[in-house]
Amino acid sequence: MRDQDKGHVLVNFLHVALSIFLLVALMFTYQVIQPGGPDKGTPIFDLPENKLWMEATMATYVILAAQVLLQIAFIFYSLTVLFPSKQKQPQPSYSFN
């Protein structure tokens, strides 16, 4: 759209700004949890099951859904700007009145 100089500049800027904001916000929605099993003593080896896990919270899924909806909305906006609906032209009349 930028190459063809179409669309509103504010909409394009908001699309980029909101996308970056949602991607940055996504990093802060995970929480650190202990592994599923109970910890029995101090582990001798640093095995993966003894490490803390990062788990997605509900906010993670809400932000991902918002990102998907934002991208879908911008795709529809872009398609309507780049390929506007054709207006019906009146057919010329060939009558000799």
N, C-alpha and C. Protein backbone atom coordinates (compact mmCIF):
# COMPACT_ATOMS: atom_id res chain seq x y z
N MET A 1 0.82 -1.19 0.00
CA MET A 1 0.00 0.00 0.00
C MET A 1 0.87 1.25 0.00
N ARG A 2 1.98 1.18 0.67
CA ARG A 2 2.86 2.34 0.71
C ARG A 2 3.45 2.63 -0.65
N ASP A 3 3.80 1.57 -1.40
CA ASP A 3 4.37 1.76 -2.74
C ASP A 3 3.37 2.41 -3.69
N GLN A 4 2.10 2.07 -3.53
CA GLN A 4 1.08 2.64 -4.40
C GLN A 4 0.48 3.91 -3.82
N ASP A 5 0.96 4.32 -2.67
CA ASP A 5 0.49 5.54 -2.00
C ASP A 5 -1.04 5.50 -1.82
N LYS A 6 -1.50 4.36 -1.27
CA LYS A 6 -2.93 4.19 -1.02
C LYS A 6 -3.14 3.95 0.46
N GLY A 7 -4.35 4.18 0.91
CA GLY A 7 -4.68 3.96 2.30
C GLY A 7 -4.34 5.18 3.14
N HIS A 8 -4.90 5.19 4.33
CA HIS A 8 -4.68 6.31 5.23
C HIS A 8 -3.39 6.07 6.02
N VAL A 9 -2.56 7.08 6.14
CA VAL A 9 -1.27 6.96 6.82
C VAL A 9 -1.46 6.59 8.29
N LEU A 10 -2.49 7.15 8.93
CA LEU A 10 -2.73 6.87 10.34
C LEU A 10 -3.10 5.41 10.56
N VAL A 11 -3.88 4.83 9.67
CA VAL A 11 -4.26 3.41 9.80
C VAL A 11 -3.02 2.53 9.66
N ASN A 12 -2.17 2.84 8.70
CA ASN A 12 -0.94 2.06 8.52
C ASN A 12 -0.03 2.17 9.74
N PHE A 13 0.10 3.38 10.28
CA PHE A 13 0.94 3.58 11.46
C PHE A 13 0.36 2.85 12.67
N LEU A 14 -0.97 2.94 12.86
CA LEU A 14 -1.59 2.26 13.99
C LEU A 14 -1.45 0.75 13.88
N HIS A 15 -1.52 0.22 12.67
CA HIS A 15 -1.35 -1.22 12.48
C HIS A 15 0.03 -1.66 12.95
N VAL A 16 1.05 -0.95 12.53
CA VAL A 16 2.42 -1.30 12.92
C VAL A 16 2.61 -1.10 14.43
N ALA A 17 2.14 0.02 14.97
CA ALA A 17 2.33 0.32 16.39
C ALA A 17 1.60 -0.70 17.27
N LEU A 18 0.35 -1.02 16.93
CA LEU A 18 -0.39 -1.99 17.74
C LEU A 18 0.21 -3.39 17.63
N SER A 19 0.70 -3.76 16.46
CA SER A 19 1.33 -5.07 16.30
C SER A 19 2.57 -5.18 17.17
N ILE A 20 3.40 -4.16 17.16
CA ILE A 20 4.61 -4.17 17.99
C ILE A 20 4.24 -4.19 19.47
N PHE A 21 3.24 -3.39 19.86
CA PHE A 21 2.82 -3.36 21.27
C PHE A 21 2.33 -4.72 21.73
N LEU A 22 1.51 -5.40 20.90
CA LEU A 22 1.00 -6.70 21.30
C LEU A 22 2.11 -7.74 21.37
N LEU A 23 3.06 -7.68 20.47
CA LEU A 23 4.18 -8.63 20.53
C LEU A 23 5.06 -8.41 21.75
N VAL A 24 5.28 -7.16 22.12
CA VAL A 24 6.07 -6.87 23.32
C VAL A 24 5.29 -7.27 24.57
N ALA A 25 3.99 -6.99 24.59
CA ALA A 25 3.16 -7.33 25.75
C ALA A 25 3.10 -8.84 25.94
N LEU A 26 3.21 -9.59 24.87
CA LEU A 26 3.15 -11.05 24.94
C LEU A 26 4.27 -11.61 25.81
N MET A 27 5.42 -10.94 25.81
CA MET A 27 6.57 -11.43 26.59
C MET A 27 6.31 -11.38 28.09
N PHE A 28 5.38 -10.55 28.54
CA PHE A 28 5.15 -10.37 29.97
C PHE A 28 3.96 -11.17 30.48
N THR A 29 3.42 -12.08 29.68
CA THR A 29 2.24 -12.82 30.10
C THR A 29 2.54 -14.23 30.57
N TYR A 30 3.76 -14.67 30.42
CA TYR A 30 4.11 -16.01 30.87
C TYR A 30 4.47 -15.99 32.34
N GLN A 31 4.21 -17.09 33.03
CA GLN A 31 4.58 -17.17 34.44
C GLN A 31 5.51 -18.35 34.65
N VAL A 32 6.37 -18.23 35.63
CA VAL A 32 7.32 -19.28 35.96
C VAL A 32 6.66 -20.22 36.97
N ILE A 33 6.68 -21.51 36.68
CA ILE A 33 6.08 -22.49 37.59
C ILE A 33 7.06 -23.61 37.86
N GLN A 34 6.80 -24.34 38.92
CA GLN A 34 7.58 -25.53 39.22
C GLN A 34 7.11 -26.67 38.34
N PRO A 35 7.95 -27.65 38.09
CA PRO A 35 7.51 -28.82 37.32
C PRO A 35 6.33 -29.51 37.99
N GLY A 36 5.65 -30.37 37.26
CA GLY A 36 4.44 -31.02 37.74
C GLY A 36 4.63 -31.89 38.97
N GLY A 37 5.72 -32.62 39.06
CA GLY A 37 5.93 -33.54 40.19
C GLY A 37 6.53 -32.82 41.39
N PRO A 38 6.34 -33.40 42.57
CA PRO A 38 6.94 -32.78 43.76
C PRO A 38 8.46 -32.91 43.74
N ASP A 39 9.12 -31.93 44.28
CA ASP A 39 10.59 -31.92 44.33
C ASP A 39 11.01 -32.70 45.57
N LYS A 40 11.79 -33.77 45.38
CA LYS A 40 12.26 -34.60 46.50
C LYS A 40 13.75 -34.40 46.66
N GLY A 41 14.12 -33.44 47.46
CA GLY A 41 15.52 -33.20 47.71
C GLY A 41 16.17 -32.35 46.64
N THR A 42 17.44 -32.14 46.79
CA THR A 42 18.20 -31.34 45.85
C THR A 42 18.64 -32.22 44.69
N PRO A 43 18.33 -31.82 43.45
CA PRO A 43 18.74 -32.67 42.33
C PRO A 43 20.26 -32.66 42.15
N ILE A 44 20.79 -33.83 41.84
CA ILE A 44 22.24 -33.94 41.62
C ILE A 44 22.59 -33.45 40.22
N PHE A 45 21.80 -33.86 39.27
CA PHE A 45 22.04 -33.47 37.88
C PHE A 45 21.03 -32.41 37.49
N ASP A 46 21.44 -31.52 36.60
CA ASP A 46 20.57 -30.45 36.14
C ASP A 46 19.73 -30.95 34.96
N LEU A 47 18.74 -31.79 35.26
CA LEU A 47 17.90 -32.37 34.23
C LEU A 47 16.76 -31.41 33.88
N PRO A 48 16.22 -31.53 32.67
CA PRO A 48 15.14 -30.62 32.26
C PRO A 48 13.92 -30.68 33.17
N GLU A 49 13.61 -31.87 33.73
CA GLU A 49 12.43 -31.96 34.58
C GLU A 49 12.61 -31.27 35.93
N ASN A 50 13.84 -30.88 36.26
CA ASN A 50 14.09 -30.17 37.52
C ASN A 50 14.10 -28.65 37.35
N LYS A 51 14.03 -28.18 36.12
CA LYS A 51 14.08 -26.74 35.87
C LYS A 51 12.70 -26.12 35.98
N LEU A 52 12.68 -24.81 36.13
CA LEU A 52 11.41 -24.10 36.16
C LEU A 52 10.87 -24.00 34.74
N TRP A 53 9.57 -24.01 34.61
CA TRP A 53 8.93 -23.93 33.31
C TRP A 53 8.27 -22.59 33.14
N MET A 54 8.13 -22.20 31.88
CA MET A 54 7.36 -21.00 31.55
C MET A 54 6.02 -21.48 31.02
N GLU A 55 4.95 -21.00 31.63
CA GLU A 55 3.62 -21.43 31.22
C GLU A 55 2.80 -20.23 30.78
N ALA A 56 2.05 -20.41 29.72
CA ALA A 56 1.20 -19.33 29.22
C ALA A 56 0.02 -19.12 30.16
N THR A 57 -0.34 -17.87 30.35
CA THR A 57 -1.52 -17.55 31.15
C THR A 57 -2.68 -17.24 30.20
N MET A 58 -3.83 -16.94 30.77
CA MET A 58 -4.99 -16.60 29.95
C MET A 58 -4.72 -15.31 29.16
N ALA A 59 -3.96 -14.40 29.75
CA ALA A 59 -3.63 -13.15 29.06
C ALA A 59 -2.83 -13.42 27.78
N THR A 60 -2.03 -14.47 27.78
CA THR A 60 -1.27 -14.83 26.58
C THR A 60 -2.22 -15.14 25.42
N TYR A 61 -3.23 -15.91 25.71
CA TYR A 61 -4.18 -16.30 24.66
C TYR A 61 -5.04 -15.12 24.23
N VAL A 62 -5.36 -14.24 25.15
CA VAL A 62 -6.14 -13.05 24.80
C VAL A 62 -5.33 -12.16 23.87
N ILE A 63 -4.06 -11.96 24.17
CA ILE A 63 -3.20 -11.13 23.32
C ILE A 63 -3.00 -11.77 21.96
N LEU A 64 -2.81 -13.09 21.93
CA LEU A 64 -2.66 -13.77 20.64
C LEU A 64 -3.94 -13.65 19.81
N ALA A 65 -5.09 -13.77 20.45
CA ALA A 65 -6.36 -13.61 19.72
C ALA A 65 -6.51 -12.18 19.21
N ALA A 66 -6.12 -11.20 20.02
CA ALA A 66 -6.18 -9.80 19.58
C ALA A 66 -5.26 -9.56 18.39
N GLN A 67 -4.09 -10.17 18.42
CA GLN A 67 -3.14 -10.03 17.31
C GLN A 67 -3.71 -10.61 16.03
N VAL A 68 -4.34 -11.78 16.14
CA VAL A 68 -4.93 -12.42 14.95
C VAL A 68 -6.08 -11.56 14.41
N LEU A 69 -6.94 -11.06 15.29
CA LEU A 69 -8.05 -10.21 14.84
C LEU A 69 -7.55 -8.92 14.21
N LEU A 70 -6.50 -8.33 14.76
CA LEU A 70 -5.92 -7.12 14.20
C LEU A 70 -5.38 -7.38 12.79
N GLN A 71 -4.70 -8.50 12.62
CA GLN A 71 -4.14 -8.82 11.31
C GLN A 71 -5.26 -9.09 10.30
N ILE A 72 -6.31 -9.78 10.71
CA ILE A 72 -7.44 -10.04 9.80
C ILE A 72 -8.12 -8.74 9.40
N ALA A 73 -8.33 -7.85 10.39
CA ALA A 73 -8.96 -6.56 10.08
C ALA A 73 -8.10 -5.76 9.10
N PHE A 74 -6.79 -5.75 9.29
CA PHE A 74 -5.92 -5.00 8.40
C PHE A 74 -5.87 -5.63 7.01
N ILE A 75 -5.97 -6.96 6.94
CA ILE A 75 -6.00 -7.62 5.63
C ILE A 75 -7.24 -7.18 4.85
N PHE A 76 -8.40 -7.17 5.53
CA PHE A 76 -9.62 -6.71 4.86
C PHE A 76 -9.52 -5.25 4.45
N TYR A 77 -8.95 -4.42 5.34
CA TYR A 77 -8.77 -3.00 5.00
C TYR A 77 -7.86 -2.86 3.78
N SER A 78 -6.77 -3.60 3.77
CA SER A 78 -5.82 -3.51 2.65
C SER A 78 -6.46 -3.96 1.34
N LEU A 79 -7.23 -5.04 1.41
CA LEU A 79 -7.87 -5.52 0.18
C LEU A 79 -8.89 -4.54 -0.35
N THR A 80 -9.64 -3.89 0.54
CA THR A 80 -10.63 -2.91 0.07
C THR A 80 -9.97 -1.65 -0.47
N VAL A 81 -8.79 -1.31 0.03
CA VAL A 81 -8.09 -0.13 -0.48
C VAL A 81 -7.40 -0.44 -1.81
N LEU A 82 -6.75 -1.60 -1.87
CA LEU A 82 -6.01 -1.94 -3.09
C LEU A 82 -6.93 -2.37 -4.23
N PHE A 83 -8.05 -3.01 -3.91
CA PHE A 83 -8.97 -3.47 -4.93
C PHE A 83 -10.37 -2.93 -4.62
N PRO A 84 -10.60 -1.65 -4.89
CA PRO A 84 -11.91 -1.08 -4.58
C PRO A 84 -12.99 -1.71 -5.47
N SER A 85 -14.22 -1.70 -4.96
CA SER A 85 -15.32 -2.28 -5.74
C SER A 85 -15.57 -1.40 -6.97
N LYS A 86 -15.85 -2.06 -8.06
CA LYS A 86 -16.05 -1.32 -9.31
C LYS A 86 -17.45 -0.74 -9.33
N GLN A 87 -17.53 0.51 -9.72
CA GLN A 87 -18.82 1.17 -9.85
C GLN A 87 -19.40 0.82 -11.21
N LYS A 88 -20.68 0.53 -11.21
CA LYS A 88 -21.31 0.19 -12.48
C LYS A 88 -21.45 1.45 -13.33
N GLN A 89 -20.94 1.36 -14.52
CA GLN A 89 -21.05 2.46 -15.46
C GLN A 89 -22.37 2.30 -16.23
N PRO A 90 -23.10 3.38 -16.42
CA PRO A 90 -24.32 3.24 -17.21
C PRO A 90 -23.98 2.88 -18.65
N GLN A 91 -24.74 1.96 -19.19
CA GLN A 91 -24.52 1.52 -20.56
C GLN A 91 -25.00 2.61 -21.52
N PRO A 92 -24.20 2.92 -22.49
CA PRO A 92 -24.62 3.97 -23.44
C PRO A 92 -25.83 3.50 -24.25
N SER A 93 -26.69 4.41 -24.48
CA SER A 93 -27.89 4.11 -25.26
C SER A 93 -27.60 4.42 -26.73
N TYR A 94 -28.00 3.53 -27.59
CA TYR A 94 -27.76 3.72 -29.02
C TYR A 94 -29.02 4.17 -29.76
N SER A 95 -29.96 4.68 -29.01
CA SER A 95 -31.18 5.15 -29.67
C SER A 95 -30.91 6.53 -30.25
N PHE A 96 -31.52 6.84 -31.36
CA PHE A 96 -31.32 8.12 -32.02
C PHE A 96 -32.54 8.99 -31.80
N ASN A 97 -32.76 9.46 -30.64
CA ASN A 97 -33.91 10.32 -30.34
C ASN A 97 -33.55 11.75 -30.53
